[in-house]
């Protein structure tokens, strides 16, 4: 019987099988390394984009803070302007208030009466003057009452006096008006 030595074939197959496994192991290793590199570069790119987004967000936040600062400054300026407008409106009302009272007082005064003093103390106006008689003072008070409509006209003092310059006998009066 003839014997064939198959050992070198088995050894050659074994070497070839080991070489095949090493090739597959190398290819798998290269594949895993390449996948790892692709994943690494993808993650690094995403991280870079996120950092850029953070930088843009911080810049936008700075701009918004600047705008908020400007807005608060504008609000403060608006408040100051509104306060000034309120003061101006108050002054306008006060300016026209005495003018209106002067007009009412001058239109209501009879021919035989004249004023020597006019004092405005907030809501009360004090008129001091002279008239030829008590009836003239009463007529003046009636005219003032009609002209003021809602305000009160109150007589404080009525007395007969002799006028210094002319020596005439006149009636001195003091009337309080409530605005």
N, C-alpha and C. Protein backbone atom coordinates (compact mmCIF):
# COMPACT_ATOMS: atom_id res chain seq x y z
N UNK A 1 0.81 -1.14 0.00
CA UNK A 1 0.00 0.00 0.00
C UNK A 1 0.88 1.23 0.00
N UNK A 2 0.38 2.14 -0.68
CA UNK A 2 1.18 3.33 -0.85
C UNK A 2 0.66 4.36 0.17
N UNK A 3 1.55 4.93 0.75
CA UNK A 3 1.17 5.95 1.75
C UNK A 3 1.50 7.34 1.23
N UNK A 4 0.51 8.22 1.43
CA UNK A 4 0.72 9.59 0.98
C UNK A 4 0.79 10.45 2.25
N UNK A 5 1.79 11.23 2.26
CA UNK A 5 1.95 12.07 3.43
C UNK A 5 1.12 13.35 3.20
N UNK A 6 0.08 13.49 3.96
CA UNK A 6 -0.82 14.65 3.82
C UNK A 6 -0.47 15.76 4.84
N UNK A 7 0.48 15.56 5.60
CA UNK A 7 0.83 16.54 6.63
C UNK A 7 1.25 17.88 6.05
N UNK A 8 2.09 17.90 5.01
CA UNK A 8 2.43 19.21 4.53
C UNK A 8 1.21 19.93 3.96
N UNK A 9 0.25 19.22 3.41
CA UNK A 9 -0.95 19.87 2.87
C UNK A 9 -1.74 20.44 4.05
N UNK A 10 -1.84 19.65 5.09
CA UNK A 10 -2.58 20.13 6.27
C UNK A 10 -1.86 21.33 6.86
N UNK A 11 -0.58 21.27 6.93
CA UNK A 11 0.19 22.38 7.47
C UNK A 11 0.03 23.58 6.55
N UNK A 12 0.04 23.35 5.24
CA UNK A 12 -0.13 24.45 4.30
C UNK A 12 -1.53 25.02 4.44
N UNK A 13 -2.56 24.13 4.58
CA UNK A 13 -3.93 24.61 4.78
C UNK A 13 -4.04 25.39 6.09
N UNK A 14 -3.41 24.88 7.09
CA UNK A 14 -3.43 25.51 8.39
C UNK A 14 -2.79 26.89 8.29
N UNK A 15 -1.66 26.99 7.59
CA UNK A 15 -0.99 28.27 7.41
C UNK A 15 -1.89 29.21 6.61
N UNK A 16 -2.50 28.66 5.58
CA UNK A 16 -3.38 29.48 4.76
C UNK A 16 -4.60 29.93 5.56
N UNK A 17 -5.14 29.07 6.38
CA UNK A 17 -6.29 29.40 7.23
C UNK A 17 -5.90 30.48 8.23
N UNK A 18 -4.70 30.35 8.81
CA UNK A 18 -4.22 31.35 9.77
C UNK A 18 -3.99 32.67 9.05
N UNK A 19 -3.44 32.58 7.83
CA UNK A 19 -3.21 33.77 7.04
C UNK A 19 -4.56 34.43 6.71
N UNK A 20 -5.56 33.65 6.36
CA UNK A 20 -6.91 34.14 6.06
C UNK A 20 -7.51 34.81 7.29
N UNK A 21 -7.34 34.18 8.45
CA UNK A 21 -7.88 34.75 9.69
C UNK A 21 -7.16 36.05 10.03
N UNK A 22 -5.84 36.05 9.81
CA UNK A 22 -5.09 37.27 10.10
C UNK A 22 -5.52 38.39 9.14
N UNK A 23 -5.79 38.05 7.88
CA UNK A 23 -6.23 39.03 6.91
C UNK A 23 -7.59 39.60 7.33
N UNK A 24 -8.49 38.71 7.70
CA UNK A 24 -9.82 39.14 8.15
C UNK A 24 -9.69 39.97 9.42
N UNK A 25 -8.84 39.52 10.35
CA UNK A 25 -8.63 40.28 11.59
C UNK A 25 -8.06 41.65 11.27
N UNK A 26 -7.11 41.71 10.32
CA UNK A 26 -6.54 43.00 9.91
C UNK A 26 -7.57 43.88 9.26
N UNK A 27 -8.38 43.28 8.35
CA UNK A 27 -9.43 44.06 7.69
C UNK A 27 -10.46 44.56 8.70
N UNK A 28 -10.85 43.68 9.62
CA UNK A 28 -11.82 44.10 10.66
C UNK A 28 -11.21 45.21 11.50
N UNK A 29 -9.94 45.08 11.85
CA UNK A 29 -9.27 46.11 12.65
C UNK A 29 -9.23 47.42 11.88
N UNK A 30 -8.86 47.35 10.60
CA UNK A 30 -8.82 48.56 9.77
C UNK A 30 -10.23 49.16 9.66
N UNK A 31 -11.23 48.30 9.48
CA UNK A 31 -12.62 48.76 9.38
C UNK A 31 -13.05 49.43 10.68
N UNK A 32 -12.73 48.82 11.83
CA UNK A 32 -13.10 49.40 13.13
C UNK A 32 -12.37 50.72 13.34
N UNK A 33 -11.09 50.75 12.99
CA UNK A 33 -10.31 51.99 13.16
C UNK A 33 -10.89 53.09 12.26
N UNK A 34 -11.21 52.72 10.99
CA UNK A 34 -11.77 53.73 10.09
C UNK A 34 -13.13 54.21 10.58
N UNK A 35 -13.98 53.28 11.09
CA UNK A 35 -15.27 53.70 11.67
C UNK A 35 -15.05 54.60 12.88
N UNK A 36 -14.07 54.25 13.70
CA UNK A 36 -13.76 55.06 14.88
C UNK A 36 -13.30 56.45 14.45
N UNK A 37 -12.46 56.52 13.42
CA UNK A 37 -12.00 57.82 12.94
C UNK A 37 -13.15 58.64 12.36
N UNK A 38 -14.03 58.00 11.59
CA UNK A 38 -15.19 58.70 11.05
C UNK A 38 -16.06 59.23 12.19
N UNK A 39 -16.32 58.39 13.20
CA UNK A 39 -17.11 58.81 14.36
C UNK A 39 -16.41 59.94 15.10
N UNK A 40 -15.08 59.82 15.28
CA UNK A 40 -14.31 60.85 15.98
C UNK A 40 -14.42 62.19 15.26
N UNK A 41 -14.22 62.18 13.92
CA UNK A 41 -14.27 63.43 13.17
C UNK A 41 -15.70 63.99 13.13
N UNK A 42 -16.70 63.14 13.09
CA UNK A 42 -18.09 63.60 13.13
C UNK A 42 -18.39 64.27 14.47
N UNK A 43 -17.98 63.62 15.56
CA UNK A 43 -18.22 64.18 16.89
C UNK A 43 -17.43 65.48 17.05
N UNK A 44 -16.21 65.51 16.55
CA UNK A 44 -15.40 66.73 16.66
C UNK A 44 -16.04 67.86 15.85
N UNK A 45 -16.57 67.55 14.69
CA UNK A 45 -17.24 68.55 13.87
C UNK A 45 -18.49 69.06 14.58
N UNK A 46 -19.26 68.15 15.17
CA UNK A 46 -20.45 68.56 15.93
C UNK A 46 -20.06 69.43 17.12
N UNK A 47 -18.97 69.05 17.80
CA UNK A 47 -18.51 69.83 18.95
C UNK A 47 -18.08 71.23 18.50
N UNK A 48 -17.39 71.31 17.35
CA UNK A 48 -16.96 72.61 16.83
C UNK A 48 -18.19 73.46 16.48
N UNK A 49 -19.20 72.84 15.85
CA UNK A 49 -20.43 73.58 15.52
C UNK A 49 -21.13 74.06 16.79
N UNK A 50 -21.14 73.21 17.82
CA UNK A 50 -21.78 73.61 19.09
C UNK A 50 -21.01 74.76 19.73
N UNK A 51 -19.66 74.70 19.67
CA UNK A 51 -18.86 75.80 20.21
C UNK A 51 -19.14 77.09 19.44
N UNK A 52 -19.24 76.97 18.12
CA UNK A 52 -19.57 78.16 17.32
C UNK A 52 -20.95 78.69 17.68
N UNK A 53 -21.90 77.79 17.89
CA UNK A 53 -23.25 78.21 18.31
C UNK A 53 -23.20 78.90 19.67
N UNK A 54 -22.38 78.38 20.56
CA UNK A 54 -22.25 79.00 21.89
C UNK A 54 -21.66 80.40 21.75
N UNK A 55 -20.63 80.52 20.92
CA UNK A 55 -20.00 81.83 20.72
C UNK A 55 -21.00 82.81 20.12
N UNK A 56 -21.76 82.37 19.11
CA UNK A 56 -22.77 83.24 18.50
C UNK A 56 -23.85 83.60 19.52
N UNK A 57 -24.24 82.62 20.33
CA UNK A 57 -25.26 82.88 21.36
C UNK A 57 -24.77 83.89 22.39
N UNK A 58 -23.48 83.77 22.77
CA UNK A 58 -22.92 84.74 23.74
C UNK A 58 -22.84 86.13 23.13
N UNK A 59 -22.48 86.22 21.85
CA UNK A 59 -22.45 87.52 21.19
C UNK A 59 -23.85 88.12 21.11
N UNK A 60 -24.81 87.29 20.77
CA UNK A 60 -26.20 87.75 20.71
C UNK A 60 -26.68 88.19 22.09
N UNK A 61 -26.27 87.44 23.12
CA UNK A 61 -26.63 87.80 24.49
C UNK A 61 -26.03 89.14 24.87
N UNK A 62 -24.77 89.38 24.48
CA UNK A 62 -24.15 90.68 24.76
C UNK A 62 -24.90 91.80 24.06
N UNK A 63 -25.28 91.57 22.79
CA UNK A 63 -26.02 92.59 22.07
C UNK A 63 -27.38 92.84 22.71
N UNK A 64 -28.04 91.77 23.14
CA UNK A 64 -29.35 91.94 23.79
C UNK A 64 -29.20 92.67 25.12
N UNK A 65 -28.13 92.36 25.87
CA UNK A 65 -27.90 93.07 27.13
C UNK A 65 -27.67 94.55 26.87
N UNK A 66 -26.91 94.84 25.80
CA UNK A 66 -26.68 96.22 25.43
C UNK A 66 -28.01 96.91 25.09
N UNK A 67 -28.85 96.20 24.33
CA UNK A 67 -30.15 96.77 23.96
C UNK A 67 -31.03 96.95 25.18
N UNK A 68 -30.98 96.00 26.12
CA UNK A 68 -31.77 96.13 27.35
C UNK A 68 -31.28 97.33 28.14
N UNK A 69 -29.96 97.52 28.18
CA UNK A 69 -29.41 98.70 28.86
C UNK A 69 -29.89 99.98 28.21
N UNK A 70 -29.87 100.00 26.87
CA UNK A 70 -30.35 101.17 26.15
C UNK A 70 -31.84 101.37 26.41
N UNK A 71 -32.59 100.28 26.43
CA UNK A 71 -34.03 100.37 26.67
C UNK A 71 -34.32 100.90 28.06
N UNK A 72 -33.56 100.43 29.06
CA UNK A 72 -33.78 100.94 30.41
C UNK A 72 -33.41 102.42 30.49
N UNK A 73 -32.37 102.82 29.76
CA UNK A 73 -32.00 104.23 29.72
C UNK A 73 -33.10 105.05 29.07
N UNK A 74 -33.66 104.51 27.99
CA UNK A 74 -34.77 105.20 27.31
C UNK A 74 -35.98 105.30 28.24
N UNK A 75 -36.25 104.22 28.99
CA UNK A 75 -37.37 104.26 29.93
C UNK A 75 -37.15 105.33 31.00
N UNK A 76 -35.90 105.44 31.50
CA UNK A 76 -35.61 106.46 32.50
C UNK A 76 -35.79 107.85 31.90
N UNK A 77 -35.31 108.03 30.66
CA UNK A 77 -35.46 109.32 30.01
C UNK A 77 -36.94 109.63 29.77
N UNK A 78 -37.71 108.59 29.40
CA UNK A 78 -39.15 108.78 29.19
C UNK A 78 -39.82 109.20 30.49
N UNK A 79 -39.42 108.57 31.59
CA UNK A 79 -40.01 108.90 32.89
C UNK A 79 -39.69 110.35 33.25
N UNK A 80 -38.44 110.78 33.00
CA UNK A 80 -38.04 112.15 33.29
C UNK A 80 -38.86 113.12 32.43
N UNK A 81 -39.02 112.79 31.15
CA UNK A 81 -39.80 113.65 30.25
C UNK A 81 -41.25 113.72 30.69
N UNK A 82 -41.83 112.56 31.09
CA UNK A 82 -43.22 112.57 31.56
C UNK A 82 -43.37 113.42 32.81
N UNK A 83 -42.38 113.33 33.73
CA UNK A 83 -42.44 114.16 34.93
C UNK A 83 -42.37 115.64 34.56
N UNK A 84 -41.51 115.96 33.60
CA UNK A 84 -41.40 117.36 33.16
C UNK A 84 -42.71 117.82 32.52
N UNK A 85 -43.32 116.93 31.72
CA UNK A 85 -44.60 117.28 31.11
C UNK A 85 -45.68 117.51 32.17
N UNK A 86 -45.67 116.67 33.21
CA UNK A 86 -46.64 116.86 34.29
C UNK A 86 -46.43 118.22 34.96
N UNK A 87 -45.16 118.58 35.19
CA UNK A 87 -44.86 119.88 35.80
C UNK A 87 -45.32 121.01 34.89
N UNK A 88 -45.04 120.85 33.59
CA UNK A 88 -45.45 121.88 32.63
C UNK A 88 -46.96 122.00 32.58
N UNK A 89 -47.66 120.86 32.56
CA UNK A 89 -49.13 120.91 32.56
C UNK A 89 -49.66 121.56 33.83
N UNK A 90 -49.02 121.24 34.97
CA UNK A 90 -49.43 121.87 36.23
C UNK A 90 -49.21 123.37 36.19
N UNK A 91 -48.06 123.77 35.63
CA UNK A 91 -47.78 125.21 35.53
C UNK A 91 -48.75 125.89 34.57
N UNK A 92 -49.08 125.22 33.48
CA UNK A 92 -50.07 125.76 32.54
C UNK A 92 -51.41 125.96 33.23
N UNK A 93 -51.81 124.95 34.01
CA UNK A 93 -53.10 125.06 34.72
C UNK A 93 -53.04 126.19 35.73
N UNK A 94 -51.91 126.32 36.42
CA UNK A 94 -51.78 127.40 37.40
C UNK A 94 -51.70 128.76 36.71
N UNK A 95 -51.13 128.78 35.52
CA UNK A 95 -51.00 130.05 34.82
C UNK A 95 -52.36 130.54 34.35
N UNK A 96 -53.14 129.62 33.83
CA UNK A 96 -54.45 130.04 33.33
C UNK A 96 -55.45 130.20 34.47
N UNK A 97 -55.22 129.53 35.61
CA UNK A 97 -56.14 129.64 36.74
C UNK A 97 -56.24 131.06 37.26
N UNK A 98 -55.12 131.71 37.64
CA UNK A 98 -55.21 133.10 38.11
C UNK A 98 -55.74 134.05 37.04
N UNK A 99 -55.41 133.80 35.80
CA UNK A 99 -55.92 134.68 34.74
C UNK A 99 -57.44 134.61 34.67
N UNK A 100 -57.97 133.40 34.83
CA UNK A 100 -59.42 133.23 34.82
C UNK A 100 -60.05 133.95 36.01
N UNK A 101 -59.43 133.80 37.18
CA UNK A 101 -59.96 134.46 38.38
C UNK A 101 -59.88 135.99 38.20
N UNK A 102 -58.76 136.48 37.66
CA UNK A 102 -58.65 137.92 37.42
C UNK A 102 -59.76 138.40 36.48
N UNK A 103 -60.02 137.65 35.44
CA UNK A 103 -61.05 138.04 34.48
C UNK A 103 -62.42 138.08 35.17
N UNK A 104 -62.73 137.05 35.97
CA UNK A 104 -64.02 137.01 36.67
C UNK A 104 -64.15 138.18 37.63
N UNK A 105 -63.09 138.45 38.40
CA UNK A 105 -63.11 139.53 39.39
C UNK A 105 -63.26 140.88 38.70
N UNK A 106 -62.53 141.08 37.60
CA UNK A 106 -62.60 142.39 36.93
C UNK A 106 -63.92 142.59 36.20
N UNK A 107 -64.49 141.52 35.65
CA UNK A 107 -65.78 141.67 34.96
C UNK A 107 -66.93 141.91 35.94
N UNK A 108 -66.79 141.41 37.16
CA UNK A 108 -67.89 141.50 38.12
C UNK A 108 -67.89 142.80 38.92
N UNK A 109 -66.80 143.53 38.92
CA UNK A 109 -66.71 144.71 39.79
C UNK A 109 -67.63 145.84 39.28
N UNK A 110 -68.44 146.42 40.19
CA UNK A 110 -69.33 147.52 39.79
C UNK A 110 -68.53 148.82 39.57
N UNK A 111 -69.22 149.84 39.02
CA UNK A 111 -68.55 151.10 38.69
C UNK A 111 -68.12 151.87 39.94
N UNK A 112 -68.84 151.73 41.01
CA UNK A 112 -68.53 152.52 42.20
C UNK A 112 -67.75 151.70 43.23
N UNK A 113 -66.90 150.79 42.74
CA UNK A 113 -66.06 149.99 43.63
C UNK A 113 -64.70 149.81 42.97
N UNK A 114 -63.67 149.61 43.79
CA UNK A 114 -62.33 149.35 43.27
C UNK A 114 -61.59 148.46 44.27
N UNK A 115 -60.60 147.74 43.75
CA UNK A 115 -59.83 146.80 44.57
C UNK A 115 -58.49 147.41 44.93
N UNK A 116 -58.06 147.13 46.17
CA UNK A 116 -56.74 147.60 46.59
C UNK A 116 -55.77 146.44 46.79
N UNK A 117 -56.30 145.22 46.97
CA UNK A 117 -55.40 144.06 47.17
C UNK A 117 -56.08 142.80 46.64
N UNK A 118 -55.24 141.91 46.15
CA UNK A 118 -55.70 140.62 45.61
C UNK A 118 -54.69 139.58 46.07
N UNK A 119 -55.14 138.60 46.87
CA UNK A 119 -54.23 137.56 47.36
C UNK A 119 -54.80 136.20 46.99
N UNK A 120 -53.96 135.40 46.34
CA UNK A 120 -54.36 134.05 45.92
C UNK A 120 -53.59 133.05 46.77
N UNK A 121 -54.32 132.32 47.63
CA UNK A 121 -53.69 131.33 48.50
C UNK A 121 -54.30 129.96 48.21
N UNK A 122 -53.87 129.34 47.13
CA UNK A 122 -54.36 128.01 46.79
C UNK A 122 -55.79 128.03 46.32
N UNK A 123 -56.70 127.58 47.19
CA UNK A 123 -58.11 127.51 46.80
C UNK A 123 -58.90 128.73 47.25
N UNK A 124 -58.27 129.63 48.01
CA UNK A 124 -58.97 130.82 48.52
C UNK A 124 -58.32 132.07 47.95
N UNK A 125 -59.15 132.95 47.42
CA UNK A 125 -58.70 134.25 46.90
C UNK A 125 -59.31 135.31 47.81
N UNK A 126 -58.46 136.21 48.31
CA UNK A 126 -58.92 137.28 49.19
C UNK A 126 -58.87 138.60 48.42
N UNK A 127 -60.03 139.26 48.36
CA UNK A 127 -60.14 140.55 47.68
C UNK A 127 -60.35 141.63 48.73
N UNK A 128 -59.53 142.66 48.69
CA UNK A 128 -59.68 143.80 49.59
C UNK A 128 -59.91 145.02 48.71
N UNK A 129 -60.91 145.82 49.06
CA UNK A 129 -61.20 146.98 48.24
C UNK A 129 -62.11 147.98 48.91
N UNK A 130 -62.55 148.95 48.12
CA UNK A 130 -63.39 150.03 48.62
C UNK A 130 -64.59 150.18 47.69
N UNK A 131 -65.72 150.60 48.30
CA UNK A 131 -66.93 150.86 47.52
C UNK A 131 -67.60 152.10 48.08
N UNK A 132 -68.52 152.66 47.29
CA UNK A 132 -69.19 153.88 47.72
C UNK A 132 -70.26 153.59 48.77
N UNK A 133 -70.83 152.34 48.75
CA UNK A 133 -71.87 152.02 49.74
C UNK A 133 -71.93 150.52 49.97
N UNK A 134 -72.72 150.13 50.97
CA UNK A 134 -72.91 148.71 51.27
C UNK A 134 -73.63 148.00 50.13
N UNK A 135 -74.55 148.70 49.47
CA UNK A 135 -75.28 148.10 48.36
C UNK A 135 -74.35 147.73 47.20
N UNK A 136 -73.36 148.54 46.96
CA UNK A 136 -72.38 148.26 45.90
C UNK A 136 -71.60 146.99 46.25
N UNK A 137 -71.23 146.83 47.52
CA UNK A 137 -70.52 145.62 47.97
C UNK A 137 -71.42 144.41 47.78
N UNK A 138 -72.69 144.53 48.14
CA UNK A 138 -73.63 143.41 47.99
C UNK A 138 -73.80 143.05 46.51
N UNK A 139 -73.89 144.07 45.65
CA UNK A 139 -74.01 143.81 44.21
C UNK A 139 -72.76 143.10 43.69
N UNK A 140 -71.60 143.52 44.16
CA UNK A 140 -70.34 142.89 43.74
C UNK A 140 -70.32 141.42 44.16
N UNK A 141 -70.79 141.14 45.38
CA UNK A 141 -70.81 139.75 45.84
C UNK A 141 -71.78 138.91 45.01
N UNK A 142 -72.95 139.46 44.65
CA UNK A 142 -73.89 138.73 43.80
C UNK A 142 -73.29 138.42 42.43
N UNK A 143 -72.63 139.40 41.84
CA UNK A 143 -72.00 139.18 40.54
C UNK A 143 -70.90 138.12 40.61
N UNK A 144 -70.12 138.17 41.69
CA UNK A 144 -69.07 137.16 41.86
C UNK A 144 -69.69 135.77 42.02
N UNK A 145 -70.75 135.67 42.77
CA UNK A 145 -71.42 134.37 42.99
C UNK A 145 -71.92 133.81 41.67
N UNK A 146 -72.51 134.66 40.83
CA UNK A 146 -73.00 134.18 39.52
C UNK A 146 -71.83 133.78 38.62
N UNK A 147 -70.74 134.53 38.65
CA UNK A 147 -69.60 134.25 37.77
C UNK A 147 -68.85 132.98 38.20
N UNK A 148 -68.74 132.75 39.50
CA UNK A 148 -68.01 131.56 39.99
C UNK A 148 -68.85 130.30 39.89
N UNK A 149 -70.15 130.43 39.90
CA UNK A 149 -71.11 129.33 39.78
C UNK A 149 -71.01 128.36 40.94
N UNK A 150 -69.89 127.63 41.11
CA UNK A 150 -69.82 126.62 42.16
C UNK A 150 -69.02 127.10 43.37
N UNK A 151 -68.24 128.13 43.24
CA UNK A 151 -67.42 128.61 44.35
C UNK A 151 -68.23 129.42 45.34
N UNK A 152 -67.73 129.50 46.55
CA UNK A 152 -68.42 130.25 47.60
C UNK A 152 -67.85 131.66 47.69
N UNK A 153 -68.72 132.65 47.91
CA UNK A 153 -68.32 134.04 48.10
C UNK A 153 -68.68 134.39 49.54
N UNK A 154 -67.66 134.80 50.30
CA UNK A 154 -67.88 135.05 51.73
C UNK A 154 -67.35 136.43 52.09
N UNK A 155 -68.21 137.22 52.76
CA UNK A 155 -67.82 138.56 53.18
C UNK A 155 -67.16 138.47 54.56
N UNK A 156 -65.93 138.96 54.67
CA UNK A 156 -65.22 138.91 55.96
C UNK A 156 -65.39 140.21 56.74
N UNK A 157 -65.07 141.31 56.10
CA UNK A 157 -65.07 142.60 56.81
C UNK A 157 -65.77 143.65 55.94
N UNK A 158 -66.65 144.45 56.60
CA UNK A 158 -67.22 145.64 55.97
C UNK A 158 -67.19 146.73 57.05
N UNK A 159 -66.55 147.84 56.70
CA UNK A 159 -66.50 148.96 57.66
C UNK A 159 -66.41 150.28 56.92
N UNK A 160 -66.99 151.28 57.56
CA UNK A 160 -66.93 152.63 56.97
C UNK A 160 -65.62 153.26 57.40
N UNK A 161 -64.93 153.81 56.40
CA UNK A 161 -63.67 154.50 56.67
C UNK A 161 -63.62 155.77 55.85
N UNK A 162 -62.72 156.65 56.22
CA UNK A 162 -62.49 157.87 55.46
C UNK A 162 -61.24 157.63 54.64
N UNK A 163 -61.37 157.81 53.33
CA UNK A 163 -60.25 157.56 52.42
C UNK A 163 -59.21 158.65 52.60
N UNK A 164 -57.93 158.26 52.66
CA UNK A 164 -56.84 159.19 53.01
C UNK A 164 -56.63 160.28 51.95
N UNK A 165 -56.60 159.89 50.73
CA UNK A 165 -56.23 160.85 49.67
C UNK A 165 -57.32 161.88 49.40
N UNK A 166 -58.58 161.41 49.30
CA UNK A 166 -59.67 162.34 48.94
C UNK A 166 -60.47 162.79 50.14
N UNK A 167 -60.39 162.05 51.23
CA UNK A 167 -61.17 162.40 52.41
C UNK A 167 -62.62 161.99 52.29
N UNK A 168 -62.94 161.11 51.30
CA UNK A 168 -64.32 160.69 51.08
C UNK A 168 -64.69 159.58 52.05
N UNK A 169 -65.97 159.52 52.38
CA UNK A 169 -66.49 158.47 53.26
C UNK A 169 -66.81 157.26 52.39
N UNK A 170 -66.06 156.13 52.57
CA UNK A 170 -66.24 154.92 51.74
C UNK A 170 -66.39 153.70 52.63
N UNK A 171 -66.75 152.57 51.97
CA UNK A 171 -66.89 151.30 52.69
C UNK A 171 -65.70 150.42 52.29
N UNK A 172 -64.94 149.99 53.31
CA UNK A 172 -63.83 149.07 53.05
C UNK A 172 -64.38 147.66 53.22
N UNK A 173 -64.02 146.77 52.26
CA UNK A 173 -64.53 145.39 52.35
C UNK A 173 -63.39 144.40 52.11
N UNK A 174 -63.59 143.20 52.67
CA UNK A 174 -62.70 142.05 52.44
C UNK A 174 -63.59 140.85 52.10
N UNK A 175 -63.40 140.30 50.91
CA UNK A 175 -64.21 139.17 50.45
C UNK A 175 -63.28 137.99 50.16
N UNK A 176 -63.71 136.81 50.61
CA UNK A 176 -62.98 135.57 50.32
C UNK A 176 -63.76 134.78 49.27
N UNK A 177 -63.04 134.32 48.24
CA UNK A 177 -63.61 133.48 47.19
C UNK A 177 -62.98 132.11 47.26
N UNK A 178 -63.82 131.09 47.16
CA UNK A 178 -63.28 129.73 47.07
C UNK A 178 -63.39 129.27 45.63
N UNK A 179 -62.25 128.83 45.07
CA UNK A 179 -62.24 128.41 43.66
C UNK A 179 -62.93 127.09 43.50
